[in-house]
Amino acid sequence: MPKEITNEELAQMIARGFETTASKEDIKRLDAGINRLDGHIDRLDNQMDHLDARMGRMEADLNEIK
């Protein structure tokens, strides 16, 4: 026959289950970090677009020199 679990034991099991659960503040910090990363990625994309355009112009110039 299975052991009977008391309300106290059940409460302790539930509390242990929530010990590693992220809090709302944890989620807010993660969201803020993700937003900062999004900004960095957007700036990197813009820089890459600028470099691609420069490379295209350099290739065109080199083709003219040939």
N, C-alpha and C. Protein backbone atom coordinates (compact mmCIF):
# COMPACT_ATOMS: atom_id res chain seq x y z
N MET A 1 0.84 -1.19 0.00
CA MET A 1 0.00 0.00 0.00
C MET A 1 0.89 1.25 0.00
N PRO A 2 0.58 2.24 -0.87
CA PRO A 2 1.40 3.45 -0.95
C PRO A 2 1.36 4.25 0.35
N LYS A 3 2.49 4.93 0.60
CA LYS A 3 2.60 5.76 1.80
C LYS A 3 1.67 6.97 1.66
N GLU A 4 1.01 7.30 2.71
CA GLU A 4 0.14 8.49 2.72
C GLU A 4 1.02 9.72 2.88
N ILE A 5 0.73 10.75 2.13
CA ILE A 5 1.49 12.00 2.18
C ILE A 5 0.67 13.01 2.98
N THR A 6 1.36 13.64 3.93
CA THR A 6 0.66 14.65 4.73
C THR A 6 0.60 15.96 3.96
N ASN A 7 -0.27 16.84 4.39
CA ASN A 7 -0.36 18.17 3.76
C ASN A 7 0.96 18.91 3.88
N GLU A 8 1.66 18.75 5.00
CA GLU A 8 2.96 19.41 5.20
C GLU A 8 3.99 18.90 4.20
N GLU A 9 4.04 17.58 3.99
CA GLU A 9 4.97 17.01 3.02
C GLU A 9 4.63 17.47 1.61
N LEU A 10 3.37 17.53 1.30
CA LEU A 10 2.93 17.99 -0.02
C LEU A 10 3.32 19.45 -0.22
N ALA A 11 3.12 20.28 0.81
CA ALA A 11 3.50 21.69 0.73
C ALA A 11 5.00 21.84 0.52
N GLN A 12 5.80 21.01 1.20
CA GLN A 12 7.25 21.07 1.03
C GLN A 12 7.67 20.65 -0.37
N MET A 13 7.03 19.64 -0.92
CA MET A 13 7.33 19.20 -2.29
C MET A 13 7.01 20.30 -3.29
N ILE A 14 5.88 20.94 -3.11
CA ILE A 14 5.48 22.02 -4.02
C ILE A 14 6.45 23.18 -3.90
N ALA A 15 6.84 23.54 -2.65
CA ALA A 15 7.78 24.64 -2.45
C ALA A 15 9.11 24.34 -3.12
N ARG A 16 9.61 23.10 -3.01
CA ARG A 16 10.87 22.73 -3.67
C ARG A 16 10.75 22.86 -5.19
N GLY A 17 9.59 22.54 -5.71
CA GLY A 17 9.37 22.65 -7.15
C GLY A 17 9.46 24.09 -7.65
N PHE A 18 9.10 25.03 -6.80
CA PHE A 18 9.12 26.44 -7.20
C PHE A 18 10.46 27.12 -6.91
N GLU A 19 11.38 26.44 -6.24
CA GLU A 19 12.67 27.06 -5.90
C GLU A 19 13.46 27.47 -7.13
N THR A 20 13.34 26.73 -8.21
CA THR A 20 14.10 27.03 -9.42
C THR A 20 13.27 27.71 -10.50
N THR A 21 12.07 28.10 -10.16
CA THR A 21 11.20 28.77 -11.12
C THR A 21 11.59 30.24 -11.22
N ALA A 22 11.68 30.75 -12.43
CA ALA A 22 12.04 32.15 -12.64
C ALA A 22 10.95 33.07 -12.11
N SER A 23 11.39 34.17 -11.51
CA SER A 23 10.44 35.16 -11.02
C SER A 23 10.09 36.14 -12.14
N LYS A 24 9.10 36.96 -11.89
CA LYS A 24 8.73 37.98 -12.87
C LYS A 24 9.89 38.95 -13.09
N GLU A 25 10.64 39.25 -12.02
CA GLU A 25 11.81 40.12 -12.15
C GLU A 25 12.89 39.47 -13.01
N ASP A 26 13.08 38.17 -12.85
CA ASP A 26 14.03 37.45 -13.70
C ASP A 26 13.64 37.59 -15.17
N ILE A 27 12.37 37.41 -15.45
CA ILE A 27 11.88 37.50 -16.83
C ILE A 27 12.06 38.93 -17.37
N LYS A 28 11.79 39.93 -16.53
CA LYS A 28 11.97 41.32 -16.96
C LYS A 28 13.43 41.60 -17.30
N ARG A 29 14.35 41.09 -16.48
CA ARG A 29 15.78 41.28 -16.76
C ARG A 29 16.18 40.59 -18.05
N LEU A 30 15.66 39.38 -18.28
CA LEU A 30 15.94 38.68 -19.53
C LEU A 30 15.41 39.45 -20.73
N ASP A 31 14.19 39.97 -20.60
CA ASP A 31 13.61 40.77 -21.69
C ASP A 31 14.47 41.99 -21.99
N ALA A 32 14.93 42.67 -20.94
CA ALA A 32 15.77 43.86 -21.14
C ALA A 32 17.07 43.47 -21.84
N GLY A 33 17.66 42.35 -21.43
CA GLY A 33 18.89 41.89 -22.08
C GLY A 33 18.67 41.54 -23.53
N ILE A 34 17.56 40.89 -23.82
CA ILE A 34 17.25 40.52 -25.20
C ILE A 34 17.02 41.78 -26.03
N ASN A 35 16.36 42.77 -25.47
CA ASN A 35 16.14 44.03 -26.19
C ASN A 35 17.47 44.71 -26.51
N ARG A 36 18.41 44.69 -25.55
CA ARG A 36 19.73 45.28 -25.82
C ARG A 36 20.44 44.52 -26.93
N LEU A 37 20.36 43.18 -26.89
CA LEU A 37 20.98 42.38 -27.94
C LEU A 37 20.35 42.66 -29.30
N ASP A 38 19.04 42.83 -29.33
CA ASP A 38 18.36 43.17 -30.59
C ASP A 38 18.92 44.48 -31.16
N GLY A 39 19.13 45.45 -30.28
CA GLY A 39 19.69 46.74 -30.73
C GLY A 39 21.09 46.56 -31.29
N HIS A 40 21.91 45.76 -30.63
CA HIS A 40 23.27 45.51 -31.12
C HIS A 40 23.23 44.80 -32.48
N ILE A 41 22.35 43.83 -32.60
CA ILE A 41 22.24 43.08 -33.86
C ILE A 41 21.78 44.01 -34.98
N ASP A 42 20.83 44.90 -34.69
CA ASP A 42 20.37 45.87 -35.71
C ASP A 42 21.52 46.75 -36.17
N ARG A 43 22.34 47.22 -35.21
CA ARG A 43 23.49 48.06 -35.59
C ARG A 43 24.50 47.27 -36.42
N LEU A 44 24.74 46.02 -36.05
CA LEU A 44 25.65 45.18 -36.83
C LEU A 44 25.11 44.94 -38.24
N ASP A 45 23.81 44.73 -38.36
CA ASP A 45 23.21 44.57 -39.69
C ASP A 45 23.42 45.81 -40.54
N ASN A 46 23.23 46.98 -39.94
CA ASN A 46 23.45 48.24 -40.68
C ASN A 46 24.90 48.38 -41.10
N GLN A 47 25.82 48.02 -40.22
CA GLN A 47 27.24 48.10 -40.57
C GLN A 47 27.58 47.13 -41.69
N MET A 48 27.01 45.93 -41.63
CA MET A 48 27.26 44.95 -42.70
C MET A 48 26.70 45.44 -44.03
N ASP A 49 25.53 46.05 -44.01
CA ASP A 49 24.96 46.61 -45.24
C ASP A 49 25.89 47.68 -45.81
N HIS A 50 26.42 48.52 -44.93
CA HIS A 50 27.34 49.57 -45.36
C HIS A 50 28.60 48.95 -45.97
N LEU A 51 29.15 47.93 -45.31
CA LEU A 51 30.35 47.27 -45.84
C LEU A 51 30.06 46.57 -47.16
N ASP A 52 28.91 45.95 -47.29
CA ASP A 52 28.54 45.31 -48.56
C ASP A 52 28.48 46.33 -49.69
N ALA A 53 27.92 47.49 -49.40
CA ALA A 53 27.83 48.54 -50.42
C ALA A 53 29.22 49.01 -50.81
N ARG A 54 30.09 49.20 -49.82
CA ARG A 54 31.47 49.63 -50.12
C ARG A 54 32.20 48.59 -50.95
N MET A 55 32.03 47.32 -50.60
CA MET A 55 32.68 46.25 -51.36
C MET A 55 32.17 46.22 -52.80
N GLY A 56 30.89 46.45 -52.97
CA GLY A 56 30.34 46.50 -54.32
C GLY A 56 30.96 47.62 -55.14
N ARG A 57 31.12 48.78 -54.52
CA ARG A 57 31.75 49.91 -55.23
C ARG A 57 33.21 49.61 -55.53
N MET A 58 33.90 48.96 -54.61
CA MET A 58 35.32 48.63 -54.83
C MET A 58 35.45 47.60 -55.96
N GLU A 59 34.56 46.64 -56.00
CA GLU A 59 34.59 45.65 -57.09
C GLU A 59 34.35 46.33 -58.43
N ALA A 60 33.40 47.26 -58.44
CA ALA A 60 33.13 47.97 -59.69
C ALA A 60 34.36 48.78 -60.13
N ASP A 61 34.99 49.45 -59.18
CA ASP A 61 36.21 50.22 -59.49
C ASP A 61 37.31 49.32 -60.01
N LEU A 62 37.50 48.16 -59.38
CA LEU A 62 38.54 47.23 -59.81
C LEU A 62 38.26 46.69 -61.22
N ASN A 63 36.98 46.44 -61.50
CA ASN A 63 36.62 45.98 -62.84
C ASN A 63 36.93 47.03 -63.89
N GLU A 64 36.74 48.30 -63.52
CA GLU A 64 37.07 49.39 -64.46
C GLU A 64 38.55 49.46 -64.70
N ILE A 65 39.33 49.26 -63.66
CA ILE A 65 40.79 49.32 -63.79
C ILE A 65 41.30 48.19 -64.68
N LYS A 66 40.68 47.01 -64.56
CA LYS A 66 41.07 45.88 -65.41
C LYS A 66 40.94 46.27 -66.86
